[in-house]
Amino acid sequence: MRNLTTIEKRALTDFRDALVADFGAVDVRLFGSRARGEGDEESDLDVFIVLPRVDWKLEKKIYGLSFDISLKHAVLISPILYSQSDIENPSILISPLYQTVQREGIKI
């Protein structure tokens, strides 16, 4: 995360802390252009999140949390949510998105 600004790091830390404390997040990783060091000031912060379970109500709460923290820190956090059972599915494990996160994702 050395390519991120102090504000971006703080936003991601706040987001991760809330995900773990309030929703029991199992894994939280930055991926995409910002993780690769290729992003610029207009790039979003792609965050891969694994939760014990995912349903629409939980998704709505996490998207709201993402919006609030993004607004507070003047960044754009783009969460991607998966449940623990999702990432145990063989078809997910071979998906390009999951493979990318495994290859370049940075644990927050």
PDB file of N, CA and C in Angstrom:
ATOM      1  N   MET A   1       0.834  -1.201   0.000  1.00  0.00           N
ATOM      2  CA  MET A   1       0.000   0.000   0.000  1.00  0.00           C
ATOM      3  C   MET A   1       0.871   1.254   0.000  1.00  0.00           C
ATOM      4  N   ARG A   2       2.106   1.069  -0.378  1.00  0.00           N
ATOM      5  CA  ARG A   2       3.039   2.196  -0.359  1.00  0.00           C
ATOM      6  C   ARG A   2       2.704   3.259  -1.397  1.00  0.00           C
ATOM      7  N   ASN A   3       1.918   2.912  -2.415  1.00  0.00           N
ATOM      8  CA  ASN A   3       1.561   3.873  -3.453  1.00  0.00           C
ATOM      9  C   ASN A   3       0.353   4.720  -3.091  1.00  0.00           C
ATOM     10  N   LEU A   4      -0.249   4.456  -1.953  1.00  0.00           N
ATOM     11  CA  LEU A   4      -1.444   5.180  -1.543  1.00  0.00           C
ATOM     12  C   LEU A   4      -1.082   6.397  -0.700  1.00  0.00           C
ATOM     13  N   THR A   5      -1.966   7.380  -0.733  1.00  0.00           N
ATOM     14  CA  THR A   5      -1.771   8.551   0.119  1.00  0.00           C
ATOM     15  C   THR A   5      -2.132   8.192   1.561  1.00  0.00           C
ATOM     16  N   THR A   6      -1.736   9.036   2.477  1.00  0.00           N
ATOM     17  CA  THR A   6      -2.070   8.838   3.885  1.00  0.00           C
ATOM     18  C   THR A   6      -3.583   8.815   4.077  1.00  0.00           C
ATOM     19  N   ILE A   7      -4.291   9.661   3.381  1.00  0.00           N
ATOM     20  CA  ILE A   7      -5.757   9.714   3.483  1.00  0.00           C
ATOM     21  C   ILE A   7      -6.380   8.421   2.972  1.00  0.00           C
ATOM     22  N   GLU A   8      -5.888   7.906   1.847  1.00  0.00           N
ATOM     23  CA  GLU A   8      -6.408   6.648   1.305  1.00  0.00           C
ATOM     24  C   GLU A   8      -6.152   5.490   2.262  1.00  0.00           C
ATOM     25  N   LYS A   9      -4.962   5.453   2.838  1.00  0.00           N
ATOM     26  CA  LYS A   9      -4.644   4.399   3.811  1.00  0.00           C
ATOM     27  C   LYS A   9      -5.565   4.488   5.023  1.00  0.00           C
ATOM     28  N   ARG A  10      -5.803   5.690   5.491  1.00  0.00           N
ATOM     29  CA  ARG A  10      -6.687   5.883   6.649  1.00  0.00           C
ATOM     30  C   ARG A  10      -8.108   5.439   6.311  1.00  0.00           C
ATOM     31  N   ALA A  11      -8.575   5.790   5.123  1.00  0.00           N
ATOM     32  CA  ALA A  11      -9.926   5.395   4.695  1.00  0.00           C
ATOM     33  C   ALA A  11     -10.051   3.876   4.641  1.00  0.00           C
ATOM     34  N   LEU A  12      -9.047   3.213   4.067  1.00  0.00           N
ATOM     35  CA  LEU A  12      -9.084   1.754   3.974  1.00  0.00           C
ATOM     36  C   LEU A  12      -9.011   1.103   5.350  1.00  0.00           C
ATOM     37  N   THR A  13      -8.212   1.661   6.228  1.00  0.00           N
ATOM     38  CA  THR A  13      -8.116   1.124   7.589  1.00  0.00           C
ATOM     39  C   THR A  13      -9.437   1.295   8.317  1.00  0.00           C
ATOM     40  N   ASP A  14     -10.058   2.457   8.205  1.00  0.00           N
ATOM     41  CA  ASP A  14     -11.365   2.687   8.828  1.00  0.00           C
ATOM     42  C   ASP A  14     -12.402   1.706   8.281  1.00  0.00           C
ATOM     43  N   PHE A  15     -12.379   1.512   6.970  1.00  0.00           N
ATOM     44  CA  PHE A  15     -13.328   0.610   6.320  1.00  0.00           C
ATOM     45  C   PHE A  15     -13.117  -0.824   6.809  1.00  0.00           C
ATOM     46  N   ARG A  16     -11.871  -1.286   6.798  1.00  0.00           N
ATOM     47  CA  ARG A  16     -11.562  -2.636   7.267  1.00  0.00           C
ATOM     48  C   ARG A  16     -11.957  -2.826   8.727  1.00  0.00           C
ATOM     49  N   ASP A  17     -11.618  -1.870   9.572  1.00  0.00           N
ATOM     50  CA  ASP A  17     -11.941  -1.995  10.994  1.00  0.00           C
ATOM     51  C   ASP A  17     -13.443  -2.139  11.213  1.00  0.00           C
ATOM     52  N   ALA A  18     -14.233  -1.347  10.489  1.00  0.00           N
ATOM     53  CA  ALA A  18     -15.688  -1.435  10.615  1.00  0.00           C
ATOM     54  C   ALA A  18     -16.204  -2.763  10.056  1.00  0.00           C
ATOM     55  N   LEU A  19     -15.644  -3.212   8.949  1.00  0.00           N
ATOM     56  CA  LEU A  19     -16.066  -4.496   8.367  1.00  0.00           C
ATOM     57  C   LEU A  19     -15.822  -5.653   9.328  1.00  0.00           C
ATOM     58  N   VAL A  20     -14.678  -5.641   9.973  1.00  0.00           N
ATOM     59  CA  VAL A  20     -14.344  -6.713  10.916  1.00  0.00           C
ATOM     60  C   VAL A  20     -15.212  -6.612  12.164  1.00  0.00           C
ATOM     61  N   ALA A  21     -15.295  -5.423  12.754  1.00  0.00           N
ATOM     62  CA  ALA A  21     -16.026  -5.239  14.011  1.00  0.00           C
ATOM     63  C   ALA A  21     -17.536  -5.414  13.848  1.00  0.00           C
ATOM     64  N   ASP A  22     -18.095  -4.850  12.792  1.00  0.00           N
ATOM     65  CA  ASP A  22     -19.553  -4.828  12.651  1.00  0.00           C
ATOM     66  C   ASP A  22     -20.130  -5.990  11.841  1.00  0.00           C
ATOM     67  N   PHE A  23     -19.308  -6.572  10.946  1.00  0.00           N
ATOM     68  CA  PHE A  23     -19.842  -7.587  10.038  1.00  0.00           C
ATOM     69  C   PHE A  23     -19.055  -8.894  10.049  1.00  0.00           C
ATOM     70  N   GLY A  24     -17.988  -8.960  10.837  1.00  0.00           N
ATOM     71  CA  GLY A  24     -17.206 -10.192  10.947  1.00  0.00           C
ATOM     72  C   GLY A  24     -16.430 -10.552   9.701  1.00  0.00           C
ATOM     73  N   ALA A  25     -15.973  -9.543   8.955  1.00  0.00           N
ATOM     74  CA  ALA A  25     -15.225  -9.808   7.720  1.00  0.00           C
ATOM     75  C   ALA A  25     -14.063 -10.754   7.981  1.00  0.00           C
ATOM     76  N   VAL A  26     -13.923 -11.721   7.084  1.00  0.00           N
ATOM     77  CA  VAL A  26     -12.888 -12.744   7.191  1.00  0.00           C
ATOM     78  C   VAL A  26     -11.633 -12.325   6.430  1.00  0.00           C
ATOM     79  N   ASP A  27     -11.819 -11.631   5.315  1.00  0.00           N
ATOM     80  CA  ASP A  27     -10.699 -11.214   4.467  1.00  0.00           C
ATOM     81  C   ASP A  27     -11.065  -9.890   3.815  1.00  0.00           C
ATOM     82  N   VAL A  28     -10.128  -8.943   3.822  1.00  0.00           N
ATOM     83  CA  VAL A  28     -10.332  -7.635   3.196  1.00  0.00           C
ATOM     84  C   VAL A  28      -9.041  -7.305   2.447  1.00  0.00           C
ATOM     85  N   ARG A  29      -9.152  -7.138   1.118  1.00  0.00           N
ATOM     86  CA  ARG A  29      -7.961  -6.891   0.300  1.00  0.00           C
ATOM     87  C   ARG A  29      -8.190  -5.781  -0.715  1.00  0.00           C
ATOM     88  N   LEU A  30      -7.192  -4.951  -0.880  1.00  0.00           N
ATOM     89  CA  LEU A  30      -7.155  -3.974  -1.957  1.00  0.00           C
ATOM     90  C   LEU A  30      -6.651  -4.692  -3.206  1.00  0.00           C
ATOM     91  N   PHE A  31      -7.312  -4.463  -4.346  1.00  0.00           N
ATOM     92  CA  PHE A  31      -6.847  -5.038  -5.597  1.00  0.00           C
ATOM     93  C   PHE A  31      -7.085  -4.035  -6.715  1.00  0.00           C
ATOM     94  N   GLY A  32      -6.687  -4.378  -7.907  1.00  0.00           N
ATOM     95  CA  GLY A  32      -6.899  -3.492  -9.046  1.00  0.00           C
ATOM     96  C   GLY A  32      -5.737  -2.530  -9.241  1.00  0.00           C
ATOM     97  N   SER A  33      -6.010  -1.461  -9.970  1.00  0.00           N
ATOM     98  CA  SER A  33      -4.940  -0.541 -10.366  1.00  0.00           C
ATOM     99  C   SER A  33      -4.202   0.064  -9.175  1.00  0.00           C
ATOM    100  N   ARG A  34      -4.931   0.356  -8.098  1.00  0.00           N
ATOM    101  CA  ARG A  34      -4.265   0.968  -6.935  1.00  0.00           C
ATOM    102  C   ARG A  34      -3.346  -0.027  -6.239  1.00  0.00           C
ATOM    103  N   ALA A  35      -3.715  -1.286  -6.199  1.00  0.00           N
ATOM    104  CA  ALA A  35      -2.857  -2.312  -5.594  1.00  0.00           C
ATOM    105  C   ALA A  35      -1.611  -2.545  -6.454  1.00  0.00           C
ATOM    106  N   ARG A  36      -1.765  -2.411  -7.763  1.00  0.00           N
ATOM    107  CA  ARG A  36      -0.634  -2.609  -8.676  1.00  0.00           C
ATOM    108  C   ARG A  36       0.262  -1.371  -8.764  1.00  0.00           C
ATOM    109  N   GLY A  37      -0.192  -0.252  -8.203  1.00  0.00           N
ATOM    110  CA  GLY A  37       0.580   0.989  -8.293  1.00  0.00           C
ATOM    111  C   GLY A  37       0.397   1.700  -9.614  1.00  0.00           C
ATOM    112  N   GLU A  38      -0.686   1.368 -10.345  1.00  0.00           N
ATOM    113  CA  GLU A  38      -0.936   1.951 -11.661  1.00  0.00           C
ATOM    114  C   GLU A  38      -2.041   3.004 -11.640  1.00  0.00           C
ATOM    115  N   GLY A  39      -2.697   3.170 -10.531  1.00  0.00           N
ATOM    116  CA  GLY A  39      -3.813   4.102 -10.452  1.00  0.00           C
ATOM    117  C   GLY A  39      -3.336   5.539 -10.343  1.00  0.00           C
ATOM    118  N   ASP A  40      -4.281   6.439 -10.537  1.00  0.00           N
ATOM    119  CA  ASP A  40      -3.989   7.860 -10.344  1.00  0.00           C
ATOM    120  C   ASP A  40      -4.996   8.431  -9.360  1.00  0.00           C
ATOM    121  N   GLU A  41      -5.003   9.748  -9.196  1.00  0.00           N
ATOM    122  CA  GLU A  41      -5.866  10.366  -8.190  1.00  0.00           C
ATOM    123  C   GLU A  41      -7.352  10.175  -8.472  1.00  0.00           C
ATOM    124  N   GLU A  42      -7.706   9.807  -9.679  1.00  0.00           N
ATOM    125  CA  GLU A  42      -9.113   9.574 -10.016  1.00  0.00           C
ATOM    126  C   GLU A  42      -9.518   8.100  -9.925  1.00  0.00           C
ATOM    127  N   SER A  43      -8.562   7.231  -9.638  1.00  0.00           N
ATOM    128  CA  SER A  43      -8.854   5.795  -9.554  1.00  0.00           C
ATOM    129  C   SER A  43      -9.565   5.465  -8.251  1.00  0.00           C
ATOM    130  N   ASP A  44     -10.474   4.507  -8.325  1.00  0.00           N
ATOM    131  CA  ASP A  44     -11.152   4.065  -7.113  1.00  0.00           C
ATOM    132  C   ASP A  44     -10.287   3.060  -6.368  1.00  0.00           C
ATOM    133  N   LEU A  45     -10.704   2.748  -5.160  1.00  0.00           N
ATOM    134  CA  LEU A  45     -10.037   1.759  -4.325  1.00  0.00           C
ATOM    135  C   LEU A  45     -10.899   0.507  -4.343  1.00  0.00           C
ATOM    136  N   ASP A  46     -10.523  -0.475  -5.162  1.00  0.00           N
ATOM    137  CA  ASP A  46     -11.264  -1.726  -5.274  1.00  0.00           C
ATOM    138  C   ASP A  46     -10.943  -2.587  -4.059  1.00  0.00           C
ATOM    139  N   VAL A  47     -11.987  -3.004  -3.343  1.00  0.00           N
ATOM    140  CA  VAL A  47     -11.788  -3.783  -2.122  1.00  0.00           C
ATOM    141  C   VAL A  47     -12.589  -5.082  -2.213  1.00  0.00           C
ATOM    142  N   PHE A  48     -11.877  -6.187  -2.114  1.00  0.00           N
ATOM    143  CA  PHE A  48     -12.456  -7.534  -2.113  1.00  0.00           C
ATOM    144  C   PHE A  48     -12.707  -7.920  -0.657  1.00  0.00           C
ATOM    145  N   ILE A  49     -13.939  -8.315  -0.349  1.00  0.00           N
ATOM    146  CA  ILE A  49     -14.338  -8.594   1.030  1.00  0.00           C
ATOM    147  C   ILE A  49     -14.979  -9.971   1.106  1.00  0.00           C
ATOM    148  N   VAL A  50     -14.521 -10.785   2.063  1.00  0.00           N
ATOM    149  CA  VAL A  50     -15.136 -12.079   2.329  1.00  0.00           C
ATOM    150  C   VAL A  50     -15.788 -11.997   3.706  1.00  0.00           C
ATOM    151  N   LEU A  51     -17.079 -12.322   3.734  1.00  0.00           N
ATOM    152  CA  LEU A  51     -17.879 -12.280   4.964  1.00  0.00           C
ATOM    153  C   LEU A  51     -18.411 -13.672   5.274  1.00  0.00           C
ATOM    154  N   PRO A  52     -18.742 -13.939   6.525  1.00  0.00           N
ATOM    155  CA  PRO A  52     -19.318 -15.246   6.853  1.00  0.00           C
ATOM    156  C   PRO A  52     -20.561 -15.563   6.020  1.00  0.00           C
ATOM    157  N   ARG A  53     -21.370 -14.552   5.780  1.00  0.00           N
ATOM    158  CA  ARG A  53     -22.573 -14.705   4.949  1.00  0.00           C
ATOM    159  C   ARG A  53     -22.849 -13.377   4.259  1.00  0.00           C
ATOM    160  N   VAL A  54     -23.583 -13.431   3.174  1.00  0.00           N
ATOM    161  CA  VAL A  54     -23.955 -12.214   2.456  1.00  0.00           C
ATOM    162  C   VAL A  54     -25.416 -12.327   2.056  1.00  0.00           C
ATOM    163  N   ASP A  55     -26.170 -11.287   2.334  1.00  0.00           N
ATOM    164  CA  ASP A  55     -27.544 -11.173   1.858  1.00  0.00           C
ATOM    165  C   ASP A  55     -27.772  -9.708   1.483  1.00  0.00           C
ATOM    166  N   TRP A  56     -28.927  -9.417   0.911  1.00  0.00           N
ATOM    167  CA  TRP A  56     -29.182  -8.078   0.409  1.00  0.00           C
ATOM    168  C   TRP A  56     -29.116  -7.023   1.516  1.00  0.00           C
ATOM    169  N   LYS A  57     -29.671  -7.291   2.682  1.00  0.00           N
ATOM    170  CA  LYS A  57     -29.634  -6.315   3.775  1.00  0.00           C
ATOM    171  C   LYS A  57     -28.197  -5.991   4.179  1.00  0.00           C
ATOM    172  N   LEU A  58     -27.374  -7.012   4.266  1.00  0.00           N
ATOM    173  CA  LEU A  58     -25.969  -6.827   4.630  1.00  0.00           C
ATOM    174  C   LEU A  58     -25.234  -6.053   3.535  1.00  0.00           C
ATOM    175  N   GLU A  59     -25.477  -6.407   2.290  1.00  0.00           N
ATOM    176  CA  GLU A  59     -24.856  -5.682   1.179  1.00  0.00           C
ATOM    177  C   GLU A  59     -25.208  -4.197   1.250  1.00  0.00           C
ATOM    178  N   LYS A  60     -26.469  -3.902   1.481  1.00  0.00           N
ATOM    179  CA  LYS A  60     -26.926  -2.520   1.554  1.00  0.00           C
ATOM    180  C   LYS A  60     -26.198  -1.765   2.671  1.00  0.00           C
ATOM    181  N   LYS A  61     -26.039  -2.388   3.829  1.00  0.00           N
ATOM    182  CA  LYS A  61     -25.329  -1.761   4.945  1.00  0.00           C
ATOM    183  C   LYS A  61     -23.866  -1.506   4.597  1.00  0.00           C
ATOM    184  N   ILE A  62     -23.231  -2.469   3.954  1.00  0.00           N
ATOM    185  CA  ILE A  62     -21.811  -2.317   3.623  1.00  0.00           C
ATOM    186  C   ILE A  62     -21.614  -1.272   2.522  1.00  0.00           C
ATOM    187  N   TYR A  63     -22.499  -1.227   1.544  1.00  0.00           N
ATOM    188  CA  TYR A  63     -22.406  -0.181   0.523  1.00  0.00           C
ATOM    189  C   TYR A  63     -22.611   1.194   1.167  1.00  0.00           C
ATOM    190  N   GLY A  64     -23.502   1.275   2.133  1.00  0.00           N
ATOM    191  CA  GLY A  64     -23.692   2.537   2.863  1.00  0.00           C
ATOM    192  C   GLY A  64     -22.453   2.931   3.649  1.00  0.00           C
ATOM    193  N   LEU A  65     -21.837   1.953   4.312  1.00  0.00           N
ATOM    194  CA  LEU A  65     -20.594   2.195   5.043  1.00  0.00           C
ATOM    195  C   LEU A  65     -19.508   2.679   4.081  1.00  0.00           C
ATOM    196  N   SER A  66     -19.395   2.022   2.936  1.00  0.00           N
ATOM    197  CA  SER A  66     -18.417   2.412   1.923  1.00  0.00           C
ATOM    198  C   SER A  66     -18.639   3.858   1.480  1.00  0.00           C
ATOM    199  N   PHE A  67     -19.886   4.210   1.242  1.00  0.00           N
ATOM    200  CA  PHE A  67     -20.234   5.569   0.833  1.00  0.00           C
ATOM    201  C   PHE A  67     -19.852   6.567   1.922  1.00  0.00           C
ATOM    202  N   ASP A  68     -20.206   6.278   3.163  1.00  0.00           N
ATOM    203  CA  ASP A  68     -19.914   7.196   4.270  1.00  0.00           C
ATOM    204  C   ASP A  68     -18.414   7.419   4.441  1.00  0.00           C
ATOM    205  N   ILE A  69     -17.649   6.347   4.401  1.00  0.00           N
ATOM    206  CA  ILE A  69     -16.192   6.472   4.577  1.00  0.00           C
ATOM    207  C   ILE A  69     -15.568   7.148   3.359  1.00  0.00           C
ATOM    208  N   SER A  70     -16.069   6.832   2.173  1.00  0.00           N
ATOM    209  CA  SER A  70     -15.578   7.496   0.966  1.00  0.00           C
ATOM    210  C   SER A  70     -15.807   8.998   1.049  1.00  0.00           C
ATOM    211  N   LEU A  71     -16.988   9.389   1.470  1.00  0.00           N
ATOM    212  CA  LEU A  71     -17.332  10.805   1.593  1.00  0.00           C
ATOM    213  C   LEU A  71     -16.474  11.486   2.662  1.00  0.00           C
ATOM    214  N   LYS A  72     -16.309  10.832   3.795  1.00  0.00           N
ATOM    215  CA  LYS A  72     -15.521  11.389   4.903  1.00  0.00           C
ATOM    216  C   LYS A  72     -14.074  11.665   4.494  1.00  0.00           C
ATOM    217  N   HIS A  73     -13.489  10.769   3.695  1.00  0.00           N
ATOM    218  CA  HIS A  73     -12.073  10.880   3.344  1.00  0.00           C
ATOM    219  C   HIS A  73     -11.832  11.396   1.914  1.00  0.00           C
ATOM    220  N   ALA A  74     -12.895  11.694   1.184  1.00  0.00           N
ATOM    221  CA  ALA A  74     -12.796  12.199  -0.191  1.00  0.00           C
ATOM    222  C   ALA A  74     -12.055  11.214  -1.109  1.00  0.00           C
ATOM    223  N   VAL A  75     -12.428   9.943  -0.996  1.00  0.00           N
ATOM    224  CA  VAL A  75     -11.903   8.885  -1.863  1.00  0.00           C
ATOM    225  C   VAL A  75     -13.107   8.091  -2.374  1.00  0.00           C
ATOM    226  N   LEU A  76     -12.866   7.140  -3.266  1.00  0.00           N
ATOM    227  CA  LEU A  76     -13.959   6.289  -3.737  1.00  0.00           C
ATOM    228  C   LEU A  76     -13.598   4.835  -3.477  1.00  0.00           C
ATOM    229  N   ILE A  77     -14.294   4.229  -2.524  1.00  0.00           N
ATOM    230  CA  ILE A  77     -14.106   2.815  -2.195  1.00  0.00           C
ATOM    231  C   ILE A  77     -15.170   2.014  -2.932  1.00  0.00           C
ATOM    232  N   SER A  78     -14.730   1.013  -3.693  1.00  0.00           N
ATOM    233  CA  SER A  78     -15.642   0.153  -4.451  1.00  0.00           C
ATOM    234  C   SER A  78     -15.555  -1.275  -3.915  1.00  0.00           C
ATOM    235  N   PRO A  79     -16.505  -1.649  -3.048  1.00  0.00           N
ATOM    236  CA  PRO A  79     -16.452  -2.990  -2.461  1.00  0.00           C
ATOM    237  C   PRO A  79     -17.012  -4.075  -3.378  1.00  0.00           C
ATOM    238  N   ILE A  80     -16.385  -5.247  -3.313  1.00  0.00           N
ATOM    239  CA  ILE A  80     -16.862  -6.464  -3.976  1.00  0.00           C
ATOM    240  C   ILE A  80     -17.050  -7.484  -2.856  1.00  0.00           C
ATOM    241  N   LEU A  81     -18.269  -7.987  -2.692  1.00  0.00           N
ATOM    242  CA  LEU A  81     -18.589  -8.851  -1.559  1.00  0.00           C
ATOM    243  C   LEU A  81     -18.763 -10.310  -1.966  1.00  0.00           C
ATOM    244  N   TYR A  82     -18.180 -11.176  -1.156  1.00  0.00           N
ATOM    245  CA  TYR A  82     -18.356 -12.615  -1.307  1.00  0.00           C
ATOM    246  C   TYR A  82     -18.581 -13.218   0.067  1.00  0.00           C
ATOM    247  N   SER A  83     -19.360 -14.281   0.114  1.00  0.00           N
ATOM    248  CA  SER A  83     -19.525 -15.017   1.370  1.00  0.00           C
ATOM    249  C   SER A  83     -18.444 -16.087   1.441  1.00  0.00           C
ATOM    250  N   GLN A  84     -18.253 -16.614   2.635  1.00  0.00           N
ATOM    251  CA  GLN A  84     -17.290 -17.694   2.824  1.00  0.00           C
ATOM    252  C   GLN A  84     -17.641 -18.884   1.927  1.00  0.00           C
ATOM    253  N   SER A  85     -18.928 -19.211   1.840  1.00  0.00           N
ATOM    254  CA  SER A  85     -19.323 -20.340   0.989  1.00  0.00           C
ATOM    255  C   SER A  85     -19.106 -20.039  -0.495  1.00  0.00           C
ATOM    256  N   ASP A  86     -19.224 -18.766  -0.901  1.00  0.00           N
ATOM    257  CA  ASP A  86     -18.942 -18.396  -2.291  1.00  0.00           C
ATOM    258  C   ASP A  86     -17.517 -18.763  -2.671  1.00  0.00           C
ATOM    259  N   ILE A  87     -16.567 -18.420  -1.810  1.00  0.00           N
ATOM    260  CA  ILE A  87     -15.163 -18.647  -2.177  1.00  0.00           C
ATOM    261  C   ILE A  87     -14.732 -20.100  -1.986  1.00  0.00           C
ATOM    262  N   GLU A  88     -15.632 -20.928  -1.500  1.00  0.00           N
ATOM    263  CA  GLU A  88     -15.368 -22.367  -1.444  1.00  0.00           C
ATOM    264  C   GLU A  88     -15.927 -23.076  -2.680  1.00  0.00           C
ATOM    265  N   ASN A  89     -16.624 -22.339  -3.525  1.00  0.00           N
ATOM    266  CA  ASN A  89     -17.204 -22.865  -4.751  1.00  0.00           C
ATOM    267  C   ASN A  89     -16.107 -22.950  -5.823  1.00  0.00           C
ATOM    268  N   PRO A  90     -15.873 -24.143  -6.388  1.00  0.00           N
ATOM    269  CA  PRO A  90     -14.809 -24.299  -7.388  1.00  0.00           C
ATOM    270  C   PRO A  90     -14.921 -23.345  -8.580  1.00  0.00           C
ATOM    271  N   SER A  91     -16.146 -23.021  -9.002  1.00  0.00           N
ATOM    272  CA  SER A  91     -16.281 -22.117 -10.151  1.00  0.00           C
ATOM    273  C   SER A  91     -15.847 -20.689  -9.800  1.00  0.00           C
ATOM    274  N   ILE A  92     -16.019 -20.292  -8.557  1.00  0.00           N
ATOM    275  CA  ILE A  92     -15.541 -18.971  -8.118  1.00  0.00           C
ATOM    276  C   ILE A  92     -14.017 -18.982  -8.036  1.00  0.00           C
ATOM    277  N   LEU A  93     -13.459 -20.070  -7.520  1.00  0.00           N
ATOM    278  CA  LEU A  93     -12.006 -20.169  -7.342  1.00  0.00           C
ATOM    279  C   LEU A  93     -11.239 -20.043  -8.657  1.00  0.00           C
ATOM    280  N   ILE A  94     -11.861 -20.422  -9.763  1.00  0.00           N
ATOM    281  CA  ILE A  94     -11.172 -20.317 -11.051  1.00  0.00           C
ATOM    282  C   ILE A  94     -11.590 -19.077 -11.840  1.00  0.00           C
ATOM    283  N   SER A  95     -12.462 -18.253 -11.270  1.00  0.00           N
ATOM    284  CA  SER A  95     -12.911 -17.054 -11.978  1.00  0.00           C
ATOM    285  C   SER A  95     -11.762 -16.051 -12.117  1.00  0.00           C
ATOM    286  N   PRO A  96     -11.747 -15.290 -13.206  1.00  0.00           N
ATOM    287  CA  PRO A  96     -10.691 -14.291 -13.400  1.00  0.00           C
ATOM    288  C   PRO A  96     -10.601 -13.275 -12.255  1.00  0.00           C
ATOM    289  N   LEU A  97     -11.740 -12.834 -11.724  1.00  0.00           N
ATOM    290  CA  LEU A  97     -11.713 -11.870 -10.626  1.00  0.00           C
ATOM    291  C   LEU A  97     -11.028 -12.465  -9.405  1.00  0.00           C
ATOM    292  N   TYR A  98     -11.424 -13.644  -9.005  1.00  0.00           N
ATOM    293  CA  TYR A  98     -10.838 -14.267  -7.823  1.00  0.00           C
ATOM    294  C   TYR A  98      -9.342 -14.512  -8.032  1.00  0.00           C
ATOM    295  N   GLN A  99      -8.965 -14.971  -9.219  1.00  0.00           N
ATOM    296  CA  GLN A  99      -7.556 -15.206  -9.515  1.00  0.00           C
ATOM    297  C   GLN A  99      -6.748 -13.908  -9.451  1.00  0.00           C
ATOM    298  N   THR A 100      -7.323 -12.827  -9.949  1.00  0.00           N
ATOM    299  CA  THR A 100      -6.660 -11.519  -9.885  1.00  0.00           C
ATOM    300  C   THR A 100      -6.455 -11.079  -8.444  1.00  0.00           C
ATOM    301  N   VAL A 101      -7.492 -11.226  -7.636  1.00  0.00           N
ATOM    302  CA  VAL A 101      -7.387 -10.843  -6.220  1.00  0.00           C
ATOM    303  C   VAL A 101      -6.316 -11.670  -5.530  1.00  0.00           C
ATOM    304  N   GLN A 102      -6.260 -12.961  -5.802  1.00  0.00           N
ATOM    305  CA  GLN A 102      -5.248 -13.814  -5.191  1.00  0.00           C
ATOM    306  C   GLN A 102      -3.840 -13.424  -5.628  1.00  0.00           C
ATOM    307  N   ARG A 103      -3.705 -13.021  -6.880  1.00  0.00           N
ATOM    308  CA  ARG A 103      -2.398 -12.696  -7.428  1.00  0.00           C
ATOM    309  C   ARG A 103      -1.897 -11.324  -6.967  1.00  0.00           C
ATOM    310  N   GLU A 104      -2.785 -10.326  -6.984  1.00  0.00           N
ATOM    311  CA  GLU A 104      -2.313  -8.958  -6.732  1.00  0.00           C
ATOM    312  C   GLU A 104      -2.913  -8.303  -5.494  1.00  0.00           C
ATOM    313  N   GLY A 105      -3.858  -8.966  -4.852  1.00  0.00           N
ATOM    314  CA  GLY A 105      -4.520  -8.365  -3.698  1.00  0.00           C
ATOM    315  C   GLY A 105      -3.579  -8.131  -2.527  1.00  0.00           C
ATOM    316  N   ILE A 106      -3.777  -6.991  -1.874  1.00  0.00           N
ATOM    317  CA  ILE A 106      -2.976  -6.620  -0.707  1.00  0.00           C
ATOM    318  C   ILE A 106      -3.892  -6.622   0.507  1.00  0.00           C
ATOM    319  N   LYS A 107      -3.555  -7.432   1.483  1.00  0.00           N
ATOM    320  CA  LYS A 107      -4.365  -7.519   2.700  1.00  0.00           C
ATOM    321  C   LYS A 107      -4.367  -6.164   3.397  1.00  0.00           C
ATOM    322  N   ILE A 108      -5.552  -5.724   3.757  1.00  0.00           N
ATOM    323  CA  ILE A 108      -5.682  -4.423   4.437  1.00  0.00           C
ATOM    324  C   ILE A 108      -5.729  -4.691   5.940  1.00  0.00           C
TER     325      ILE A 108
END
